[in-house]
Amino acid sequence: MNTYLQVLKQYATFNERASRQEYWVFALYNITFVALAIVLDNMFGIAMPEFGYGPIYGLYTLAVLIPGLAVAVRRLHDVGKSGWMIFIAFIPIVGAIWLIVLMATKSNAGENQYGAEPNNIQNNESITDELILLTIVWTLLMSAFWGIFPKVNEQFYDTSTFKITSQITPIIGGLITFALAFVVNKTSKRIFLIVIGGLILLCNFYAVIDYYINFILLSNNL
């Protein structure tokens, strides 16, 4: 949590470098809090029907928008890339995968054009363990997320949020976990994350295939 808070303190610092561990600890906390915000919006009945989220999600995403962009830019600087490379995320699927690869790339050794190599949390085993714990929590939360929503908001599957995330999550969810495998140093922990990533990909693809098969069958019956 200290790393997450540290990123928030560097609210609009775009001109330095951020290590892989710093970026991914923040990213995993951020993903988890976003999912929780959407759950709370729906539990309190304040979610917009067409989108599936509401003011809690909106306030949180606004609060972390600038620090999230800043740490992403610093991470790109750490691998010798311009911060403008963040816009490759707008290329459907391929752009997101490319950006994940860049964010998981090892730091440039020594100083580069953006400054000295970050050493505040590099190779810190406690941070590595925090990454693994966050990955497990995030995986369980995502499973609960899709399991809880039919009971909390039956219309959620008709929202634009579900239609978009159901296309992206199966690929991105597993790839993020694979990317984290290259952030940790110990072989045993790396293998663990690779296995978890593989399971996420298999489960998500199965869920999406099952969804579309049922959708096609329902359409044919109509």
C-alpha atoms as a PDB file:
ATOM      1  CA  MET A   1       0.000   0.000   0.000  1.00  0.00           C
ATOM      2  CA  ASN A   2       2.960   2.346   0.648  1.00  0.00           C
ATOM      3  CA  THR A   3       3.901   2.169  -3.036  1.00  0.00           C
ATOM      4  CA  TYR A   4       0.338   3.025  -4.090  1.00  0.00           C
ATOM      5  CA  LEU A   5       0.304   6.021  -1.750  1.00  0.00           C
ATOM      6  CA  GLN A   6       3.735   7.115  -2.949  1.00  0.00           C
ATOM      7  CA  VAL A   7       2.462   7.230  -6.529  1.00  0.00           C
ATOM      8  CA  LEU A   8      -0.452   9.394  -5.378  1.00  0.00           C
ATOM      9  CA  LYS A   9       2.001  11.752  -3.668  1.00  0.00           C
ATOM     10  CA  GLN A  10       3.854  12.154  -6.971  1.00  0.00           C
ATOM     11  CA  TYR A  11       0.528  13.383  -8.327  1.00  0.00           C
ATOM     12  CA  ALA A  12       1.710  15.088 -11.515  1.00  0.00           C
ATOM     13  CA  THR A  13       5.357  14.049 -11.801  1.00  0.00           C
ATOM     14  CA  PHE A  14       5.822  13.131 -15.459  1.00  0.00           C
ATOM     15  CA  ASN A  15       9.543  13.771 -15.920  1.00  0.00           C
ATOM     16  CA  GLU A  16      11.241  10.957 -13.982  1.00  0.00           C
ATOM     17  CA  ARG A  17      11.385   7.142 -14.095  1.00  0.00           C
ATOM     18  CA  ALA A  18       9.340   4.406 -12.377  1.00  0.00           C
ATOM     19  CA  SER A  19      10.380   0.797 -11.873  1.00  0.00           C
ATOM     20  CA  ARG A  20       8.309  -2.186 -12.969  1.00  0.00           C
ATOM     21  CA  GLN A  21       7.389  -3.011  -9.403  1.00  0.00           C
ATOM     22  CA  GLU A  22       6.296   0.553  -8.618  1.00  0.00           C
ATOM     23  CA  TYR A  23       4.044   0.683 -11.675  1.00  0.00           C
ATOM     24  CA  TRP A  24       2.460  -2.746 -11.254  1.00  0.00           C
ATOM     25  CA  VAL A  25       1.765  -2.401  -7.528  1.00  0.00           C
ATOM     26  CA  PHE A  26      -0.107   0.828  -8.281  1.00  0.00           C
ATOM     27  CA  ALA A  27      -1.877  -0.711 -11.299  1.00  0.00           C
ATOM     28  CA  LEU A  28      -3.154  -3.741  -9.369  1.00  0.00           C
ATOM     29  CA  TYR A  29      -4.409  -1.650  -6.452  1.00  0.00           C
ATOM     30  CA  ASN A  30      -6.066   0.642  -8.974  1.00  0.00           C
ATOM     31  CA  ILE A  31      -7.811  -2.188 -10.850  1.00  0.00           C
ATOM     32  CA  THR A  32      -9.038  -3.637  -7.547  1.00  0.00           C
ATOM     33  CA  PHE A  33     -10.414  -0.302  -6.317  1.00  0.00           C
ATOM     34  CA  VAL A  34     -12.126   0.337  -9.668  1.00  0.00           C
ATOM     35  CA  ALA A  35     -13.918  -3.022  -9.462  1.00  0.00           C
ATOM     36  CA  LEU A  36     -14.951  -2.321  -5.868  1.00  0.00           C
ATOM     37  CA  ALA A  37     -16.274   1.106  -6.858  1.00  0.00           C
ATOM     38  CA  ILE A  38     -18.473  -0.438  -9.568  1.00  0.00           C
ATOM     39  CA  VAL A  39     -19.735  -3.058  -7.114  1.00  0.00           C
ATOM     40  CA  LEU A  40     -20.624  -0.366  -4.563  1.00  0.00           C
ATOM     41  CA  ASP A  41     -22.401   1.746  -7.185  1.00  0.00           C
ATOM     42  CA  ASN A  42     -24.615  -1.220  -8.015  1.00  0.00           C
ATOM     43  CA  MET A  43     -25.141  -2.347  -4.424  1.00  0.00           C
ATOM     44  CA  PHE A  44     -26.313   1.149  -3.450  1.00  0.00           C
ATOM     45  CA  GLY A  45     -28.519   1.384  -6.533  1.00  0.00           C
ATOM     46  CA  ILE A  46     -26.797   4.520  -7.848  1.00  0.00           C
ATOM     47  CA  ALA A  47     -25.314   3.018 -11.028  1.00  0.00           C
ATOM     48  CA  MET A  48     -26.422   4.440 -14.382  1.00  0.00           C
ATOM     49  CA  PRO A  49     -28.484   1.697 -16.088  1.00  0.00           C
ATOM     50  CA  GLU A  50     -26.887   2.139 -19.505  1.00  0.00           C
ATOM     51  CA  PHE A  51     -23.314   1.998 -18.183  1.00  0.00           C
ATOM     52  CA  GLY A  52     -23.412  -0.172 -15.056  1.00  0.00           C
ATOM     53  CA  TYR A  53     -21.424   2.254 -12.908  1.00  0.00           C
ATOM     54  CA  GLY A  54     -22.119   5.489 -11.049  1.00  0.00           C
ATOM     55  CA  PRO A  55     -20.689   8.372  -8.961  1.00  0.00           C
ATOM     56  CA  ILE A  56     -18.388   6.297  -6.725  1.00  0.00           C
ATOM     57  CA  TYR A  57     -16.615   4.920  -9.780  1.00  0.00           C
ATOM     58  CA  GLY A  58     -16.581   8.363 -11.401  1.00  0.00           C
ATOM     59  CA  LEU A  59     -15.084  10.125  -8.373  1.00  0.00           C
ATOM     60  CA  TYR A  60     -12.409   7.487  -7.887  1.00  0.00           C
ATOM     61  CA  THR A  61     -11.309   7.423 -11.530  1.00  0.00           C
ATOM     62  CA  LEU A  62     -11.108  11.240 -11.604  1.00  0.00           C
ATOM     63  CA  ALA A  63      -8.994  11.199  -8.415  1.00  0.00           C
ATOM     64  CA  VAL A  64      -6.412   8.768  -9.835  1.00  0.00           C
ATOM     65  CA  LEU A  65      -6.485   9.872 -13.480  1.00  0.00           C
ATOM     66  CA  ILE A  66      -3.461  12.190 -13.348  1.00  0.00           C
ATOM     67  CA  PRO A  67      -1.258  10.094 -11.006  1.00  0.00           C
ATOM     68  CA  GLY A  68      -2.129   7.014 -13.070  1.00  0.00           C
ATOM     69  CA  LEU A  69      -1.039   8.720 -16.272  1.00  0.00           C
ATOM     70  CA  ALA A  70       2.058  10.096 -14.560  1.00  0.00           C
ATOM     71  CA  VAL A  71       3.302   6.733 -13.296  1.00  0.00           C
ATOM     72  CA  ALA A  72       2.618   5.168 -16.706  1.00  0.00           C
ATOM     73  CA  VAL A  73       4.680   7.878 -18.408  1.00  0.00           C
ATOM     74  CA  ARG A  74       7.494   7.413 -15.870  1.00  0.00           C
ATOM     75  CA  ARG A  75       7.420   3.652 -16.520  1.00  0.00           C
ATOM     76  CA  LEU A  76       7.805   4.267 -20.259  1.00  0.00           C
ATOM     77  CA  HIS A  77      10.700   6.623 -19.508  1.00  0.00           C
ATOM     78  CA  ASP A  78      12.296   3.811 -17.485  1.00  0.00           C
ATOM     79  CA  VAL A  79      12.557   1.651 -20.614  1.00  0.00           C
ATOM     80  CA  GLY A  80      13.786   4.545 -22.751  1.00  0.00           C
ATOM     81  CA  LYS A  81      10.466   5.310 -24.448  1.00  0.00           C
ATOM     82  CA  SER A  82       8.671   8.615 -24.820  1.00  0.00           C
ATOM     83  CA  GLY A  83       5.643   9.142 -22.613  1.00  0.00           C
ATOM     84  CA  TRP A  84       3.613   9.722 -25.775  1.00  0.00           C
ATOM     85  CA  MET A  85       3.854   5.961 -26.392  1.00  0.00           C
ATOM     86  CA  ILE A  86       0.974   5.598 -23.936  1.00  0.00           C
ATOM     87  CA  PHE A  87      -1.393   6.457 -26.796  1.00  0.00           C
ATOM     88  CA  ILE A  88      -0.716   3.075 -28.440  1.00  0.00           C
ATOM     89  CA  ALA A  89      -3.340   1.811 -25.994  1.00  0.00           C
ATOM     90  CA  PHE A  90      -5.957   3.269 -28.341  1.00  0.00           C
ATOM     91  CA  ILE A  91      -5.041   0.707 -31.008  1.00  0.00           C
ATOM     92  CA  PRO A  92      -7.644  -2.059 -30.464  1.00  0.00           C
ATOM     93  CA  ILE A  93      -6.286  -5.182 -28.688  1.00  0.00           C
ATOM     94  CA  VAL A  94      -2.787  -4.984 -30.239  1.00  0.00           C
ATOM     95  CA  GLY A  95      -2.085  -1.602 -28.657  1.00  0.00           C
ATOM     96  CA  ALA A  96      -3.084  -2.780 -25.182  1.00  0.00           C
ATOM     97  CA  ILE A  97      -0.921  -5.910 -25.494  1.00  0.00           C
ATOM     98  CA  TRP A  98       2.041  -3.863 -26.731  1.00  0.00           C
ATOM     99  CA  LEU A  99       1.666  -1.433 -23.817  1.00  0.00           C
ATOM    100  CA  ILE A 100       1.537  -4.303 -21.297  1.00  0.00           C
ATOM    101  CA  VAL A 101       4.790  -5.664 -22.758  1.00  0.00           C
ATOM    102  CA  LEU A 102       6.449  -2.245 -22.421  1.00  0.00           C
ATOM    103  CA  MET A 103       5.229  -1.868 -18.837  1.00  0.00           C
ATOM    104  CA  ALA A 104       6.716  -5.279 -17.975  1.00  0.00           C
ATOM    105  CA  THR A 105      10.044  -4.615 -19.695  1.00  0.00           C
ATOM    106  CA  LYS A 106      13.166  -4.509 -17.539  1.00  0.00           C
ATOM    107  CA  SER A 107      14.524  -1.067 -16.641  1.00  0.00           C
ATOM    108  CA  ASN A 108      17.306   0.460 -18.708  1.00  0.00           C
ATOM    109  CA  ALA A 109      20.499  -0.129 -16.733  1.00  0.00           C
ATOM    110  CA  GLY A 110      22.015   3.014 -15.276  1.00  0.00           C
ATOM    111  CA  GLU A 111      21.050   6.486 -16.406  1.00  0.00           C
ATOM    112  CA  ASN A 112      19.114   7.180 -19.605  1.00  0.00           C
ATOM    113  CA  GLN A 113      17.807  10.396 -21.162  1.00  0.00           C
ATOM    114  CA  TYR A 114      15.036  10.566 -18.566  1.00  0.00           C
ATOM    115  CA  GLY A 115      17.206  10.289 -15.466  1.00  0.00           C
ATOM    116  CA  ALA A 116      18.842   7.780 -13.136  1.00  0.00           C
ATOM    117  CA  GLU A 117      17.634   4.210 -12.797  1.00  0.00           C
ATOM    118  CA  PRO A 118      15.016   3.993 -10.017  1.00  0.00           C
ATOM    119  CA  ASN A 119      16.323   2.020  -7.073  1.00  0.00           C
ATOM    120  CA  ASN A 120      13.781   2.798  -4.367  1.00  0.00           C
ATOM    121  CA  ILE A 121      11.974  -0.549  -4.594  1.00  0.00           C
ATOM    122  CA  GLN A 122      13.852  -2.478  -7.275  1.00  0.00           C
ATOM    123  CA  ASN A 123      14.369  -6.156  -6.414  1.00  0.00           C
ATOM    124  CA  ASN A 124      12.497  -5.731  -3.135  1.00  0.00           C
ATOM    125  CA  GLU A 125      11.110  -9.137  -2.149  1.00  0.00           C
ATOM    126  CA  SER A 126       8.392  -7.643   0.076  1.00  0.00           C
ATOM    127  CA  ILE A 127       7.114  -5.712  -2.943  1.00  0.00           C
ATOM    128  CA  THR A 128       7.272  -8.916  -4.992  1.00  0.00           C
ATOM    129  CA  ASP A 129       5.143 -10.716  -2.402  1.00  0.00           C
ATOM    130  CA  GLU A 130       2.704  -7.785  -2.424  1.00  0.00           C
ATOM    131  CA  LEU A 131       2.396  -8.124  -6.203  1.00  0.00           C
ATOM    132  CA  ILE A 132       1.572 -11.827  -5.902  1.00  0.00           C
ATOM    133  CA  LEU A 133      -0.964 -11.184  -3.137  1.00  0.00           C
ATOM    134  CA  LEU A 134      -2.603  -8.427  -5.185  1.00  0.00           C
ATOM    135  CA  THR A 135      -2.764 -10.751  -8.184  1.00  0.00           C
ATOM    136  CA  ILE A 136      -4.566 -13.401  -6.118  1.00  0.00           C
ATOM    137  CA  VAL A 137      -6.954 -10.828  -4.616  1.00  0.00           C
ATOM    138  CA  TRP A 138      -7.653  -9.322  -8.041  1.00  0.00           C
ATOM    139  CA  THR A 139      -8.313 -12.764  -9.555  1.00  0.00           C
ATOM    140  CA  LEU A 140     -10.726 -13.705  -6.777  1.00  0.00           C
ATOM    141  CA  LEU A 141     -12.400 -10.302  -6.978  1.00  0.00           C
ATOM    142  CA  MET A 142     -12.947 -10.623 -10.713  1.00  0.00           C
ATOM    143  CA  SER A 143     -14.493 -14.069 -10.206  1.00  0.00           C
ATOM    144  CA  ALA A 144     -16.772 -12.716  -7.493  1.00  0.00           C
ATOM    145  CA  PHE A 145     -17.496  -9.628  -9.603  1.00  0.00           C
ATOM    146  CA  TRP A 146     -19.105 -11.632 -12.397  1.00  0.00           C
ATOM    147  CA  GLY A 147     -20.740 -14.032  -9.946  1.00  0.00           C
ATOM    148  CA  ILE A 148     -22.297 -11.346  -7.739  1.00  0.00           C
ATOM    149  CA  PHE A 149     -23.612  -9.034 -10.418  1.00  0.00           C
ATOM    150  CA  PRO A 150     -26.527 -11.192 -11.634  1.00  0.00           C
ATOM    151  CA  LYS A 151     -27.889 -10.976  -8.075  1.00  0.00           C
ATOM    152  CA  VAL A 152     -27.076  -7.284  -7.526  1.00  0.00           C
ATOM    153  CA  ASN A 153     -28.070  -5.872 -10.903  1.00  0.00           C
ATOM    154  CA  GLU A 154     -29.808  -8.168 -13.380  1.00  0.00           C
ATOM    155  CA  GLN A 155     -29.543  -5.527 -16.111  1.00  0.00           C
ATOM    156  CA  PHE A 156     -25.740  -5.267 -15.850  1.00  0.00           C
ATOM    157  CA  TYR A 157     -25.202  -7.709 -18.725  1.00  0.00           C
ATOM    158  CA  ASP A 158     -27.064  -5.310 -21.008  1.00  0.00           C
ATOM    159  CA  THR A 159     -24.804  -2.350 -20.176  1.00  0.00           C
ATOM    160  CA  SER A 160     -22.049  -0.994 -22.395  1.00  0.00           C
ATOM    161  CA  THR A 161     -19.551  -1.691 -19.568  1.00  0.00           C
ATOM    162  CA  PHE A 162     -20.200  -5.428 -19.733  1.00  0.00           C
ATOM    163  CA  LYS A 163     -20.217  -5.539 -23.525  1.00  0.00           C
ATOM    164  CA  ILE A 164     -16.804  -3.861 -23.685  1.00  0.00           C
ATOM    165  CA  THR A 165     -15.120  -5.658 -20.778  1.00  0.00           C
ATOM    166  CA  SER A 166     -16.378  -9.071 -21.891  1.00  0.00           C
ATOM    167  CA  GLN A 167     -14.379  -8.570 -25.089  1.00  0.00           C
ATOM    168  CA  ILE A 168     -11.198  -7.307 -23.420  1.00  0.00           C
ATOM    169  CA  THR A 169     -10.950  -9.091 -20.062  1.00  0.00           C
ATOM    170  CA  PRO A 170     -10.261 -12.640 -21.354  1.00  0.00           C
ATOM    171  CA  ILE A 171      -7.092 -11.501 -23.128  1.00  0.00           C
ATOM    172  CA  ILE A 172      -5.879  -8.620 -20.989  1.00  0.00           C
ATOM    173  CA  GLY A 173      -6.595 -10.285 -17.628  1.00  0.00           C
ATOM    174  CA  GLY A 174      -4.367 -13.268 -18.314  1.00  0.00           C
ATOM    175  CA  LEU A 175      -1.678 -11.233 -20.090  1.00  0.00           C
ATOM    176  CA  ILE A 176      -1.298  -8.904 -17.104  1.00  0.00           C
ATOM    177  CA  THR A 177      -0.564 -11.899 -14.877  1.00  0.00           C
ATOM    178  CA  PHE A 178       1.932 -13.251 -17.415  1.00  0.00           C
ATOM    179  CA  ALA A 179       3.571  -9.814 -17.500  1.00  0.00           C
ATOM    180  CA  LEU A 180       3.890  -9.813 -13.716  1.00  0.00           C
ATOM    181  CA  ALA A 181       5.751 -13.130 -13.932  1.00  0.00           C
ATOM    182  CA  PHE A 182       8.634 -11.252 -15.532  1.00  0.00           C
ATOM    183  CA  VAL A 183       8.619  -8.601 -12.810  1.00  0.00           C
ATOM    184  CA  VAL A 184       9.418 -11.035  -9.985  1.00  0.00           C
ATOM    185  CA  ASN A 185      12.898 -12.457  -9.544  1.00  0.00           C
ATOM    186  CA  LYS A 186      12.473 -15.895  -7.963  1.00  0.00           C
ATOM    187  CA  THR A 187      11.801 -18.759 -10.370  1.00  0.00           C
ATOM    188  CA  SER A 188       9.212 -20.409  -8.102  1.00  0.00           C
ATOM    189  CA  LYS A 189       7.174 -17.199  -7.890  1.00  0.00           C
ATOM    190  CA  ARG A 190       7.495 -16.658 -11.623  1.00  0.00           C
ATOM    191  CA  ILE A 191       6.157 -20.156 -12.351  1.00  0.00           C
ATOM    192  CA  PHE A 192       3.290 -19.567  -9.925  1.00  0.00           C
ATOM    193  CA  LEU A 193       2.228 -16.394 -11.753  1.00  0.00           C
ATOM    194  CA  ILE A 194       2.532 -18.076 -15.160  1.00  0.00           C
ATOM    195  CA  VAL A 195       0.238 -20.890 -13.972  1.00  0.00           C
ATOM    196  CA  ILE A 196      -2.262 -18.384 -12.538  1.00  0.00           C
ATOM    197  CA  GLY A 197      -2.166 -16.392 -15.782  1.00  0.00           C
ATOM    198  CA  GLY A 198      -2.818 -19.533 -17.822  1.00  0.00           C
ATOM    199  CA  LEU A 199      -5.768 -20.486 -15.640  1.00  0.00           C
ATOM    200  CA  ILE A 200      -7.239 -16.981 -15.927  1.00  0.00           C
ATOM    201  CA  LEU A 201      -6.974 -17.092 -19.715  1.00  0.00           C
ATOM    202  CA  LEU A 202      -8.584 -20.540 -19.917  1.00  0.00           C
ATOM    203  CA  CYS A 203     -11.415 -19.664 -17.522  1.00  0.00           C
ATOM    204  CA  ASN A 204     -12.137 -16.337 -19.193  1.00  0.00           C
ATOM    205  CA  PHE A 205     -12.110 -17.764 -22.708  1.00  0.00           C
ATOM    206  CA  TYR A 206     -14.426 -20.552 -21.584  1.00  0.00           C
ATOM    207  CA  ALA A 207     -16.795 -17.994 -20.016  1.00  0.00           C
ATOM    208  CA  VAL A 208     -16.860 -15.840 -23.152  1.00  0.00           C
ATOM    209  CA  ILE A 209     -17.305 -18.811 -25.520  1.00  0.00           C
ATOM    210  CA  ASP A 210     -20.116 -20.125 -23.317  1.00  0.00           C
ATOM    211  CA  TYR A 211     -21.739 -16.658 -23.298  1.00  0.00           C
ATOM    212  CA  TYR A 212     -21.678 -16.363 -27.099  1.00  0.00           C
ATOM    213  CA  ILE A 213     -22.896 -19.931 -27.641  1.00  0.00           C
ATOM    214  CA  ASN A 214     -25.867 -19.216 -25.382  1.00  0.00           C
ATOM    215  CA  PHE A 215     -26.405 -15.872 -27.133  1.00  0.00           C
ATOM    216  CA  ILE A 216     -26.442 -17.576 -30.577  1.00  0.00           C
ATOM    217  CA  LEU A 217     -28.800 -20.303 -29.358  1.00  0.00           C
ATOM    218  CA  LEU A 218     -31.132 -17.706 -27.872  1.00  0.00           C
ATOM    219  CA  SER A 219     -31.069 -15.676 -31.099  1.00  0.00           C
ATOM    220  CA  ASN A 220     -31.903 -18.764 -33.162  1.00  0.00           C
ATOM    221  CA  ASN A 221     -34.806 -19.597 -30.880  1.00  0.00           C
ATOM    222  CA  LEU A 222     -36.180 -16.100 -31.377  1.00  0.00           C
END
